[in-house]
C-alpha cells in the first residue's frame, strides 16, 4: 500500500479564468505520452530542433511497446504517421553538405549538435519507416570533418542549446553528445571517430565540474562499455543527488539555480543519469531501486500532455522513461487506486494488464485543497493530479468601428546568465480584435539582444467585433529552453483606460 497527499493551489498570478482540476491514472509510464504524441509541448515549435519533438519520442515509445508486446496496429499507424511527417519536415532544414541547422539554408552553416541529434534519430527510426541511408551517412561524414586533432568536436553553427556552452564545458559536452550519438548509431568503439572522441573526453573529464556535463559523460562512457569511467562518474553524481519527497524517495540532479520552478536542465540532467544507470550492467548501489527514485521525481515534472517544459528535456526524459519501463515491465499485477477529495468524496480506479495503456481521467469537483491518493495491489501505476484551463479572459468597452490599436513591446534581459537560449514573446490579442496583416514584418531578422539592452517590437491590432467589459490581455516573454526565466505583463485598449 502506498499513500500520498497532493495539494492543489492556484498560482499567485492569475489574470482571469476558471481553473479545472483533473486526476488521471495509467498503468504504464509511457501511456501518458502515448495519448498525446501530437501535443507533447504546450508551446510553439517549428525550427529544425523543435520539429524533432514530433519525431524522436515516437521512436522510444514504439521501441518500448514492441519489446513489451503491447504494440497494436492502431498505435503503430499513428506513431509512424508522425515519424513520416517529422522526417519529411526535418529534411527541409538540411544543408547540401549533409548538416542541419535550426532554420535550414537561411543559416550560414549547419550546426554540430543538431546534426548529431538528427543523425541518431534517423538511424533509430529506420526500423519503422523508410529513411534514406545516404542522409545518415552524409551527416556522419560532416561530423567527422568537424573532429579536431585532440578528438574533440568543434562547435559549428549557432548553438541554441546554451547549456552546452560555457568554458571547458562547451567542448566537453558537445563532444560527449556527438560521441554518444555515434555509439547510438551503432558505430563500434574501435571506430576512429569514436575512439578519438572518447580520448578527448577522458583527457578533460577531471576538469569538468558541471553536473550536466558529468551526467552526459556518464551516459557516453556507459554506451562505450567503459565500466571504470562509468563507475567513477556515477559516484561523483551520487554525491550531488538531491533527495526529496515525503519519505525521501525521490532523487534528482539540479542546476543549483534558485527558484521554485524546476529547470528544464534539471530534467535533462536527471534523465541522462537514469540512462547511464540503465544502459549498462547494473552496478552495486545503482540498481532498479535507485532508478525508481529518479523515475518518481521525473514523473512529478511531466506536464499535462505527458511531456516536459521544453524540447530537449522532453526527448531525453522520454528516452530514459522508456528504458526504465522496459526494464521493469511485468505481465502480471492489479492495482486499486482511491482518490479522496478535501471534502471526503472518493473516486476509485482499477488498473490491470487489460487496461494498463488506457488513459483513465475524471474531473475533480474541488480545484484547491489537499487530495489523498492511495494505491494497493501489485505492480506500477502512474497517478497525476493537474490544473488546467487557467485562461486569459479578454473582453471590451470599445465600440468605435474599425478601431486600430498599436501594441508596443519593449524587452530587456536582466537575468544572471551570460547568454540566453531562444526567446519567445507571446502577445495575446484583446477579445474582438485581430492582427493587422503585415504589422509584424519589422520583427523579421531581429535575432540578438545584448544583456541590459532594450529592443522594441510593434504590432497593430484591429477591432472586428465590439465586446463589452474588455479585460486586459497578457504579454509573456520566456526562454524556450529555460521556461522558468519568464516575465508576464498586461495591456488593454486605450479607450478602455478612460
Protein backbone atom coordinates (compact mmCIF):
# COMPACT_ATOMS: atom_id res chain seq x y z
CA UNK A 1 0.00 0.00 0.00
CA UNK A 2 1.31 3.45 -0.97
CA UNK A 3 -0.40 6.64 0.18
CA UNK A 4 0.34 10.27 -0.69
CA UNK A 5 -1.27 13.67 -0.13
CA UNK A 6 -1.39 16.08 -3.06
CA UNK A 7 -2.03 19.78 -2.51
CA UNK A 8 -3.70 21.80 -5.26
CA UNK A 9 -3.42 25.57 -5.12
CA UNK A 10 -3.79 28.29 -7.70
CA UNK A 11 -0.76 30.27 -8.90
CA UNK A 12 -0.20 33.67 -7.31
CA UNK A 13 -0.52 35.35 -10.71
CA UNK A 14 -3.81 34.54 -12.39
CA UNK A 15 -5.35 37.01 -14.79
CA UNK A 16 -8.84 35.71 -15.24
CA UNK A 17 -10.40 32.37 -15.90
CA UNK A 18 -11.93 29.27 -14.48
CA UNK A 19 -9.33 26.66 -13.49
CA UNK A 20 -10.26 23.00 -13.76
CA UNK A 21 -8.68 20.09 -11.90
CA UNK A 22 -8.33 16.50 -13.13
CA UNK A 23 -6.88 13.26 -11.85
CA UNK A 24 -5.57 10.69 -14.34
CA UNK A 25 -4.42 7.12 -13.80
CA UNK A 26 -2.28 4.96 -16.07
CA UNK A 27 -0.75 1.54 -15.61
CA UNK A 28 2.23 2.38 -17.79
CA UNK A 29 4.72 5.24 -17.55
CA UNK A 30 4.74 5.66 -21.32
CA UNK A 31 0.97 5.67 -21.64
CA UNK A 32 0.64 9.36 -20.85
CA UNK A 33 2.96 10.42 -23.65
CA UNK A 34 1.37 7.85 -25.95
CA UNK A 35 -2.01 9.56 -25.61
CA UNK A 36 -0.52 12.93 -26.58
CA UNK A 37 2.09 12.26 -29.26
CA UNK A 38 0.91 15.28 -31.23
CA UNK A 39 0.77 17.67 -28.28
CA UNK A 40 3.72 16.93 -26.01
CA UNK A 41 4.62 20.58 -25.53
CA UNK A 42 2.23 23.33 -24.55
CA UNK A 43 4.23 25.90 -26.58
CA UNK A 44 5.03 26.61 -30.25
CA UNK A 45 7.57 24.59 -32.16
CA UNK A 46 8.75 24.76 -35.71
CA UNK A 47 12.52 25.17 -36.16
CA UNK A 48 14.81 22.29 -37.07
CA UNK A 49 15.40 21.28 -33.46
CA UNK A 50 11.85 21.79 -32.21
CA UNK A 51 10.48 19.75 -35.11
CA UNK A 52 12.34 16.73 -33.76
CA UNK A 53 9.88 16.68 -30.87
CA UNK A 54 7.41 15.29 -33.39
CA UNK A 55 9.96 12.65 -34.26
CA UNK A 56 12.27 11.32 -31.54
CA UNK A 57 9.77 10.43 -28.75
CA UNK A 58 7.76 8.24 -31.13
CA UNK A 59 10.81 6.05 -31.63
CA UNK A 60 11.27 5.45 -27.89
CA UNK A 61 7.58 4.70 -27.38
CA UNK A 62 7.40 2.33 -30.36
CA UNK A 63 10.53 0.52 -29.19
CA UNK A 64 9.17 0.03 -25.69
CA UNK A 65 5.74 -1.15 -26.82
CA UNK A 66 7.30 -3.53 -29.33
CA UNK A 67 9.70 -5.04 -26.79
CA UNK A 68 6.89 -5.49 -24.24
CA UNK A 69 4.44 -6.98 -26.76
CA UNK A 70 1.95 -4.11 -26.42
CA UNK A 71 2.31 -2.56 -29.89
CA UNK A 72 -1.01 -2.64 -31.71
CA UNK A 73 -1.61 -1.84 -35.41
CA UNK A 74 -3.51 1.32 -34.42
CA UNK A 75 -0.67 2.63 -32.26
CA UNK A 76 1.92 1.76 -34.91
CA UNK A 77 -0.09 3.56 -37.58
CA UNK A 78 -0.45 6.73 -35.51
CA UNK A 79 3.20 6.83 -34.44
CA UNK A 80 4.63 6.08 -37.88
CA UNK A 81 2.47 8.82 -39.42
CA UNK A 82 4.15 11.28 -37.05
CA UNK A 83 7.57 9.83 -37.90
CA UNK A 84 6.95 10.29 -41.62
CA UNK A 85 5.76 13.85 -41.09
CA UNK A 86 8.72 14.71 -38.89
CA UNK A 87 11.21 13.11 -41.29
CA UNK A 88 9.91 14.98 -44.31
CA UNK A 89 9.79 18.27 -42.43
CA UNK A 90 13.30 17.85 -41.00
CA UNK A 91 14.76 17.38 -44.47
CA UNK A 92 13.76 20.99 -45.20
CA UNK A 93 16.38 22.07 -42.62
CA UNK A 94 19.15 20.05 -44.32
CA UNK A 95 22.13 21.79 -45.94
CA UNK A 96 23.72 20.50 -49.15
CA UNK A 97 26.74 19.25 -47.18
CA UNK A 98 24.53 16.91 -45.12
CA UNK A 99 24.36 19.01 -41.95
CA UNK A 100 21.30 20.54 -40.26
CA UNK A 101 20.55 23.85 -38.59
CA UNK A 102 17.63 25.45 -36.79
CA UNK A 103 16.47 27.42 -39.84
CA UNK A 104 17.97 25.39 -42.68
CA UNK A 105 19.67 27.10 -45.59
CA UNK A 106 18.79 30.54 -44.22
CA UNK A 107 21.57 29.85 -41.68
CA UNK A 108 25.16 30.28 -42.81
CA UNK A 109 26.13 26.72 -41.88
CA UNK A 110 24.92 23.54 -40.28
CA UNK A 111 25.07 23.02 -36.53
CA UNK A 112 27.24 20.31 -34.94
CA UNK A 113 24.86 19.42 -32.12
CA UNK A 114 21.66 19.42 -34.19
CA UNK A 115 23.28 17.35 -36.93
CA UNK A 116 24.23 14.69 -34.37
CA UNK A 117 20.71 14.77 -32.92
CA UNK A 118 19.09 14.30 -36.32
CA UNK A 119 21.59 11.62 -37.38
CA UNK A 120 20.99 9.34 -34.40
CA UNK A 121 17.22 9.88 -34.54
CA UNK A 122 17.03 8.96 -38.22
CA UNK A 123 19.07 5.81 -37.59
CA UNK A 124 16.70 4.72 -34.79
CA UNK A 125 13.64 5.36 -37.00
CA UNK A 126 14.85 3.10 -39.81
CA UNK A 127 13.13 0.10 -38.26
CA UNK A 128 9.73 1.79 -38.57
CA UNK A 129 9.80 3.98 -41.70
CA UNK A 130 11.97 4.36 -44.78
CA UNK A 131 15.00 6.58 -44.10
CA UNK A 132 17.47 7.25 -46.89
CA UNK A 133 20.78 5.82 -45.63
CA UNK A 134 22.63 8.44 -47.66
CA UNK A 135 21.14 11.14 -45.45
CA UNK A 136 22.59 9.49 -42.32
CA UNK A 137 25.96 8.84 -43.95
CA UNK A 138 26.24 12.46 -45.10
CA UNK A 139 25.59 13.71 -41.57
CA UNK A 140 28.21 11.36 -40.12
CA UNK A 141 30.77 12.44 -42.72
CA UNK A 142 30.09 16.11 -41.97
CA UNK A 143 30.57 15.48 -38.24
CA UNK A 144 33.80 13.62 -38.94
CA UNK A 145 35.14 16.69 -40.72
CA UNK A 146 34.46 18.72 -37.55
CA UNK A 147 36.55 16.46 -35.32
CA UNK A 148 39.75 18.15 -34.15
CA UNK A 149 43.23 16.69 -33.66
CA UNK A 150 42.60 16.16 -29.93
CA UNK A 151 39.49 14.12 -30.73
CA UNK A 152 37.02 16.73 -29.57
CA UNK A 153 34.34 18.07 -31.93
CA UNK A 154 34.25 21.70 -32.97
CA UNK A 155 31.14 23.74 -32.32
CA UNK A 156 29.97 24.96 -35.73
CA UNK A 157 26.85 27.00 -36.38
CA UNK A 158 24.54 28.74 -33.97
CA UNK A 159 24.21 26.52 -30.90
CA UNK A 160 20.79 27.31 -29.50
CA UNK A 161 21.11 24.79 -26.66
CA UNK A 162 23.08 27.22 -24.49
CA UNK A 163 23.55 24.84 -21.56
CA UNK A 164 26.12 23.03 -23.71
CA UNK A 165 28.20 26.20 -23.71
CA UNK A 166 30.44 27.89 -21.15
CA UNK A 167 34.20 27.45 -20.66
CA UNK A 168 35.54 23.93 -20.73
CA UNK A 169 32.01 22.52 -20.76
CA UNK A 170 31.42 23.90 -24.26
CA UNK A 171 33.84 21.43 -25.82
CA UNK A 172 33.32 18.51 -23.46
CA UNK A 173 29.50 18.44 -23.53
CA UNK A 174 29.30 18.84 -27.28
CA UNK A 175 31.93 16.15 -27.81
CA UNK A 176 30.17 13.85 -25.34
CA UNK A 177 26.86 14.35 -27.13
CA UNK A 178 28.31 13.66 -30.59
CA UNK A 179 30.25 10.62 -29.37
CA UNK A 180 27.14 9.22 -27.66
CA UNK A 181 25.17 9.82 -30.88
CA UNK A 182 27.75 7.82 -32.85
CA UNK A 183 27.53 4.97 -30.34
CA UNK A 184 23.72 5.03 -30.50
CA UNK A 185 24.13 4.88 -34.27
CA UNK A 186 25.81 1.50 -33.80
CA UNK A 187 29.32 2.74 -34.53
CA UNK A 188 31.91 0.47 -32.94
CA UNK A 189 34.09 1.68 -30.08
CA UNK A 190 37.15 0.97 -32.24
CA UNK A 191 35.96 3.31 -35.00
CA UNK A 192 38.44 6.23 -35.23
CA UNK A 193 35.73 8.87 -34.74
CA UNK A 194 34.51 7.17 -31.56
CA UNK A 195 37.90 6.20 -30.13
CA UNK A 196 39.31 9.68 -30.64
CA UNK A 197 36.16 11.20 -29.18
CA UNK A 198 36.49 9.04 -26.06
CA UNK A 199 40.17 10.01 -25.73
CA UNK A 200 39.13 13.67 -25.80
CA UNK A 201 36.59 13.08 -23.03
CA UNK A 202 38.95 11.08 -20.81
CA UNK A 203 41.63 13.75 -21.02
CA UNK A 204 39.27 16.53 -19.99
CA UNK A 205 36.81 14.76 -17.65
CA UNK A 206 38.76 15.51 -14.46
CA UNK A 207 38.39 19.25 -15.12
CA UNK A 208 34.61 19.06 -15.51
CA UNK A 209 32.56 20.37 -12.60
CA UNK A 210 29.16 20.94 -14.24
CA UNK A 211 26.62 18.36 -13.07
CA UNK A 212 25.02 18.39 -16.51
CA UNK A 213 28.37 17.63 -18.18
CA UNK A 214 29.18 14.82 -15.72
CA UNK A 215 25.77 13.24 -16.34
CA UNK A 216 26.23 13.37 -20.11
CA UNK A 217 29.74 11.94 -19.77
CA UNK A 218 28.47 9.08 -17.63
CA UNK A 219 25.95 8.12 -20.31
CA UNK A 220 28.56 8.32 -23.08
CA UNK A 221 31.04 6.06 -21.25
CA UNK A 222 28.21 3.66 -20.40
CA UNK A 223 27.44 3.28 -24.11
CA UNK A 224 31.15 2.80 -24.75
CA UNK A 225 31.31 -0.03 -22.20
CA UNK A 226 34.00 1.69 -20.12
CA UNK A 227 32.88 0.50 -16.68
CA UNK A 228 35.77 2.19 -14.83
CA UNK A 229 34.94 5.68 -16.13
CA UNK A 230 31.23 4.95 -15.78
CA UNK A 231 31.57 3.95 -12.12
CA UNK A 232 33.73 6.95 -11.30
CA UNK A 233 31.32 9.41 -12.89
CA UNK A 234 28.22 7.84 -11.33
CA UNK A 235 29.87 8.01 -7.90
CA UNK A 236 30.52 11.72 -8.40
CA UNK A 237 26.91 12.19 -9.42
CA UNK A 238 25.58 10.23 -6.45
CA UNK A 239 27.33 12.67 -4.12
CA UNK A 240 25.44 15.53 -5.78
CA UNK A 241 22.00 13.91 -5.81
CA UNK A 242 19.12 15.89 -4.33
CA UNK A 243 16.83 13.60 -2.31
CA UNK A 244 13.23 14.81 -1.95
CA UNK A 245 9.69 13.67 -1.13
CA UNK A 246 7.68 12.96 1.96
CA UNK A 247 9.63 9.75 2.54
CA UNK A 248 12.86 10.91 0.85
CA UNK A 249 12.15 8.56 -2.05
CA UNK A 250 12.65 10.99 -4.93
CA UNK A 251 16.05 11.64 -6.46
CA UNK A 252 17.24 14.21 -8.99
CA UNK A 253 20.13 16.42 -10.02
CA UNK A 254 19.80 20.16 -10.07
CA UNK A 255 21.50 23.11 -11.70
CA UNK A 256 21.82 24.98 -8.42
CA UNK A 257 19.62 27.83 -9.64
CA UNK A 258 17.37 29.39 -7.04
CA UNK A 259 13.62 29.19 -7.57
CA UNK A 260 10.56 27.02 -7.11
CA UNK A 261 10.11 26.23 -10.81
CA UNK A 262 12.02 23.16 -11.96
CA UNK A 263 14.66 23.95 -14.57
CA UNK A 264 14.45 22.16 -17.89
CA UNK A 265 18.15 21.49 -17.37
CA UNK A 266 17.37 19.63 -14.12
CA UNK A 267 15.07 17.27 -16.01
CA UNK A 268 17.57 16.70 -18.80
CA UNK A 269 20.47 16.15 -16.37
CA UNK A 270 18.45 13.72 -14.26
CA UNK A 271 17.36 11.83 -17.37
CA UNK A 272 20.96 11.37 -18.51
CA UNK A 273 21.80 9.91 -15.10
CA UNK A 274 18.90 7.45 -15.43
CA UNK A 275 20.09 6.48 -18.92
CA UNK A 276 23.61 5.92 -17.59
CA UNK A 277 22.32 3.70 -14.78
CA UNK A 278 20.10 1.60 -17.06
CA UNK A 279 22.14 1.39 -20.29
CA UNK A 280 24.82 -0.90 -18.89
CA UNK A 281 25.21 -3.72 -16.37
CA UNK A 282 23.61 -2.86 -13.02
CA UNK A 283 26.21 -1.65 -10.56
CA UNK A 284 26.13 -2.05 -6.76
CA UNK A 285 24.19 0.88 -5.25
CA UNK A 286 22.79 1.78 -8.69
CA UNK A 287 20.17 -0.93 -9.07
CA UNK A 288 16.48 -0.68 -10.03
CA UNK A 289 15.53 0.69 -6.60
CA UNK A 290 17.89 3.60 -7.22
CA UNK A 291 16.34 4.17 -10.65
CA UNK A 292 12.84 4.09 -9.15
CA UNK A 293 13.62 7.17 -7.07
CA UNK A 294 14.76 9.01 -10.20
CA UNK A 295 11.63 7.98 -12.11
CA UNK A 296 9.44 9.09 -9.23
CA UNK A 297 10.86 12.61 -9.42
CA UNK A 298 10.70 12.73 -13.23
CA UNK A 299 7.06 11.69 -13.18
CA UNK A 300 6.26 14.65 -10.97
CA UNK A 301 7.74 17.05 -13.54
CA UNK A 302 5.62 15.90 -16.50
CA UNK A 303 3.18 18.40 -17.92
CA UNK A 304 -0.49 17.75 -18.64
CA UNK A 305 0.38 16.27 -22.06
CA UNK A 306 2.98 13.76 -20.87
CA UNK A 307 5.94 15.86 -21.98
CA UNK A 308 8.08 18.31 -20.06
CA UNK A 309 8.86 22.02 -20.19
CA UNK A 310 10.85 22.15 -23.43
CA UNK A 311 12.17 20.10 -26.34
CA UNK A 312 15.42 18.53 -25.19
CA UNK A 313 14.27 17.69 -21.67
CA UNK A 314 11.17 16.03 -23.18
CA UNK A 315 13.21 13.98 -25.67
CA UNK A 316 15.84 12.80 -23.18
CA UNK A 317 13.33 12.17 -20.37
CA UNK A 318 11.05 10.06 -22.56
CA UNK A 319 14.05 8.08 -23.77
CA UNK A 320 15.03 7.40 -20.16
CA UNK A 321 11.49 6.56 -19.04
CA UNK A 322 11.11 4.14 -21.96
CA UNK A 323 14.34 2.44 -20.89
CA UNK A 324 13.08 2.13 -17.31
CA UNK A 325 9.66 0.88 -18.45
CA UNK A 326 11.31 -1.87 -20.50
CA UNK A 327 13.45 -2.92 -17.53
CA UNK A 328 10.51 -3.11 -15.12
CA UNK A 329 7.68 -4.34 -17.37
CA UNK A 330 5.62 -7.14 -15.87
CA UNK A 331 2.77 -9.19 -17.37
CA UNK A 332 1.01 -9.63 -14.02
CA UNK A 333 -0.46 -7.47 -11.29
CA UNK A 334 -3.60 -5.48 -10.44
CA UNK A 335 -3.72 -2.17 -8.59
CA UNK A 336 -6.64 -0.33 -6.97
CA UNK A 337 -6.32 3.47 -6.71
CA UNK A 338 -8.57 5.56 -4.42
CA UNK A 339 -8.61 9.36 -4.64
CA UNK A 340 -10.22 11.19 -1.70
CA UNK A 341 -11.17 14.86 -2.11
CA UNK A 342 -10.74 17.59 0.54
CA UNK A 343 -14.47 17.20 1.37
CA UNK A 344 -14.22 13.42 1.69
CA UNK A 345 -15.71 12.13 -1.57
CA UNK A 346 -13.95 9.08 -3.04
CA UNK A 347 -13.17 8.03 -6.60
CA UNK A 348 -11.77 4.59 -7.43
CA UNK A 349 -9.76 3.26 -10.37
CA UNK A 350 -8.60 -0.25 -11.21
CA UNK A 351 -5.51 -0.90 -13.32
CA UNK A 352 -4.65 -4.35 -14.69
CA UNK A 353 -2.97 -5.89 -17.73
CA UNK A 354 -6.02 -5.42 -19.95
CA UNK A 355 -6.23 -1.65 -19.40
CA UNK A 356 -2.71 -0.59 -18.45
CA UNK A 357 -2.44 1.66 -21.53
CA UNK A 358 -5.94 3.07 -21.03
CA UNK A 359 -5.87 6.72 -20.02
CA UNK A 360 -8.41 6.97 -17.17
CA UNK A 361 -9.29 10.54 -16.17
CA UNK A 362 -12.04 12.31 -14.23
CA UNK A 363 -12.67 15.95 -13.41
CA UNK A 364 -12.30 16.88 -9.75
CA UNK A 365 -15.02 18.89 -8.08
CA UNK A 366 -12.69 21.00 -5.95
CA UNK A 367 -9.81 22.81 -7.65
CA UNK A 368 -7.96 23.62 -4.43
CA UNK A 369 -7.20 21.71 -1.26
CA UNK A 370 -5.46 18.51 -0.19
CA UNK A 371 -6.31 15.29 -2.06
CA UNK A 372 -5.35 11.87 -0.71
CA UNK A 373 -4.18 9.21 -3.21
CA UNK A 374 -3.99 5.58 -2.04
CA UNK A 375 -2.78 2.66 -4.17
CA UNK A 376 -2.88 -1.01 -3.19
CA UNK A 377 -2.01 -4.20 -5.03
CA UNK A 378 0.96 -5.37 -7.08
CA UNK A 379 2.56 -3.55 -10.00
CA UNK A 380 3.27 0.01 -11.11
CA UNK A 381 0.77 2.82 -11.58
CA UNK A 382 1.15 6.45 -12.62
CA UNK A 383 -1.23 8.94 -10.99
CA UNK A 384 -1.24 12.63 -11.93
CA UNK A 385 -3.33 15.42 -10.45
CA UNK A 386 -3.30 18.53 -12.63
CA UNK A 387 -4.77 22.00 -13.00
CA UNK A 388 -5.87 23.10 -16.47
CA UNK A 389 -7.86 25.83 -18.14
CA UNK A 390 -6.41 28.87 -16.41
CA UNK A 391 -7.20 31.02 -19.42
CA UNK A 392 -7.00 34.72 -20.02
CA UNK A 393 -10.45 36.23 -20.46
CA UNK A 394 -10.28 39.24 -22.74
CA UNK A 395 -13.41 41.32 -23.42
CA UNK A 396 -14.19 45.21 -24.24
CA UNK A 397 -15.93 48.55 -23.78
CA UNK A 398 -14.73 49.82 -27.14
CA UNK A 399 -17.44 50.34 -29.71
CA UNK A 400 -15.75 52.55 -32.33
CA UNK A 401 -15.86 50.89 -35.77
CA UNK A 402 -12.55 49.58 -37.21
CA UNK A 403 -10.62 50.75 -34.15
CA UNK A 404 -6.88 50.09 -34.57
CA UNK A 405 -4.52 49.79 -31.61
CA UNK A 406 -0.73 49.83 -31.78
CA UNK A 407 0.87 47.43 -29.29
CA UNK A 408 4.50 48.20 -28.45
CA UNK A 409 6.51 45.55 -26.59
CA UNK A 410 9.85 46.61 -25.09
CA UNK A 411 12.07 43.80 -23.80
CA UNK A 412 15.36 43.63 -21.91
CA UNK A 413 17.23 40.70 -20.34
CA UNK A 414 18.44 41.41 -16.82
CA UNK A 415 18.98 37.85 -15.60
CA UNK A 416 22.14 36.23 -14.26
CA UNK A 417 23.15 34.23 -17.34
CA UNK A 418 25.73 35.45 -19.80
CA UNK A 419 23.63 34.26 -22.71
CA UNK A 420 20.06 33.01 -23.10
CA UNK A 421 18.61 30.41 -25.44
CA UNK A 422 15.86 31.05 -27.99
CA UNK A 423 13.41 33.59 -26.55
CA UNK A 424 9.67 33.55 -27.28
CA UNK A 425 7.38 36.58 -26.96
CA UNK A 426 3.69 35.71 -26.79
CA UNK A 427 1.19 38.55 -27.25
CA UNK A 428 -2.40 37.55 -26.61
CA UNK A 429 -4.96 39.55 -28.59
CA UNK A 430 -7.75 41.51 -26.98
CA UNK A 431 -11.14 39.88 -27.37
CA UNK A 432 -12.82 41.01 -30.58
CA UNK A 433 -9.51 42.10 -32.15
CA UNK A 434 -7.39 40.54 -34.90
CA UNK A 435 -3.82 41.16 -36.05
CA UNK A 436 -3.39 43.59 -38.92
CA UNK A 437 -1.65 41.69 -41.73
CA UNK A 438 1.95 42.80 -42.28
CA UNK A 439 2.33 44.63 -38.99
CA UNK A 440 4.83 42.04 -37.73
CA UNK A 441 7.17 42.33 -40.71
CA UNK A 442 9.68 44.66 -38.97
CA UNK A 443 10.37 41.89 -36.44
CA UNK A 444 11.87 39.60 -39.09
CA UNK A 445 15.64 39.31 -38.91
CA UNK A 446 15.92 40.82 -35.43
CA UNK A 447 17.64 37.95 -33.62
CA UNK A 448 20.08 39.20 -30.99
CA UNK A 449 19.60 41.09 -27.75
CA UNK A 450 22.59 42.04 -25.63
CA UNK A 451 22.32 41.85 -21.86
CA UNK A 452 20.94 45.13 -20.48
CA UNK A 453 20.00 46.36 -23.94
CA UNK A 454 16.35 47.04 -24.80
CA UNK A 455 14.57 46.17 -28.01
CA UNK A 456 11.15 47.28 -29.13
CA UNK A 457 8.63 45.40 -31.27
CA UNK A 458 5.39 46.92 -32.57
CA UNK A 459 2.29 45.29 -33.96
CA UNK A 460 -1.14 46.63 -34.85
CA UNK A 461 -4.43 45.02 -33.90
CA UNK A 462 -7.83 45.96 -35.28
CA UNK A 463 -11.24 45.65 -33.67
CA UNK A 464 -13.57 43.33 -35.57
CA UNK A 465 -16.34 42.97 -33.00
CA UNK A 466 -17.30 45.34 -30.18
CA UNK A 467 -17.17 43.50 -26.86
CA UNK A 468 -18.32 44.92 -23.57
CA UNK A 469 -16.29 44.94 -20.35
CA UNK A 470 -12.93 44.48 -22.05
CA UNK A 471 -10.37 42.83 -19.79
CA UNK A 472 -6.59 43.04 -20.24
CA UNK A 473 -4.69 40.66 -22.50
CA UNK A 474 -1.40 39.08 -21.49
CA UNK A 475 2.08 39.57 -22.90
CA UNK A 476 4.55 36.84 -21.91
CA UNK A 477 8.26 36.51 -22.69
CA UNK A 478 10.25 33.41 -21.80
CA UNK A 479 13.34 31.39 -22.66
CA UNK A 480 12.12 28.44 -24.75
CA UNK A 481 14.68 26.07 -23.26
CA UNK A 482 14.54 27.54 -19.75
CA UNK A 483 10.84 28.39 -19.21
CA UNK A 484 11.47 29.38 -15.58
CA UNK A 485 13.06 32.55 -17.00
CA UNK A 486 9.77 34.33 -17.64
CA UNK A 487 8.13 37.74 -17.38
CA UNK A 488 4.42 38.49 -17.72
CA UNK A 489 2.53 41.77 -18.11
CA UNK A 490 -0.82 43.00 -19.43
CA UNK A 491 -2.19 45.58 -21.83
CA UNK A 492 -5.62 46.87 -22.80
CA UNK A 493 -7.26 49.16 -25.33
CA UNK A 494 -6.66 52.91 -24.80
CA UNK A 495 -10.40 53.59 -24.89
CA UNK A 496 -10.79 51.20 -22.01
CA UNK A 497 -8.44 53.26 -19.83
CA UNK A 498 -10.59 56.39 -19.74
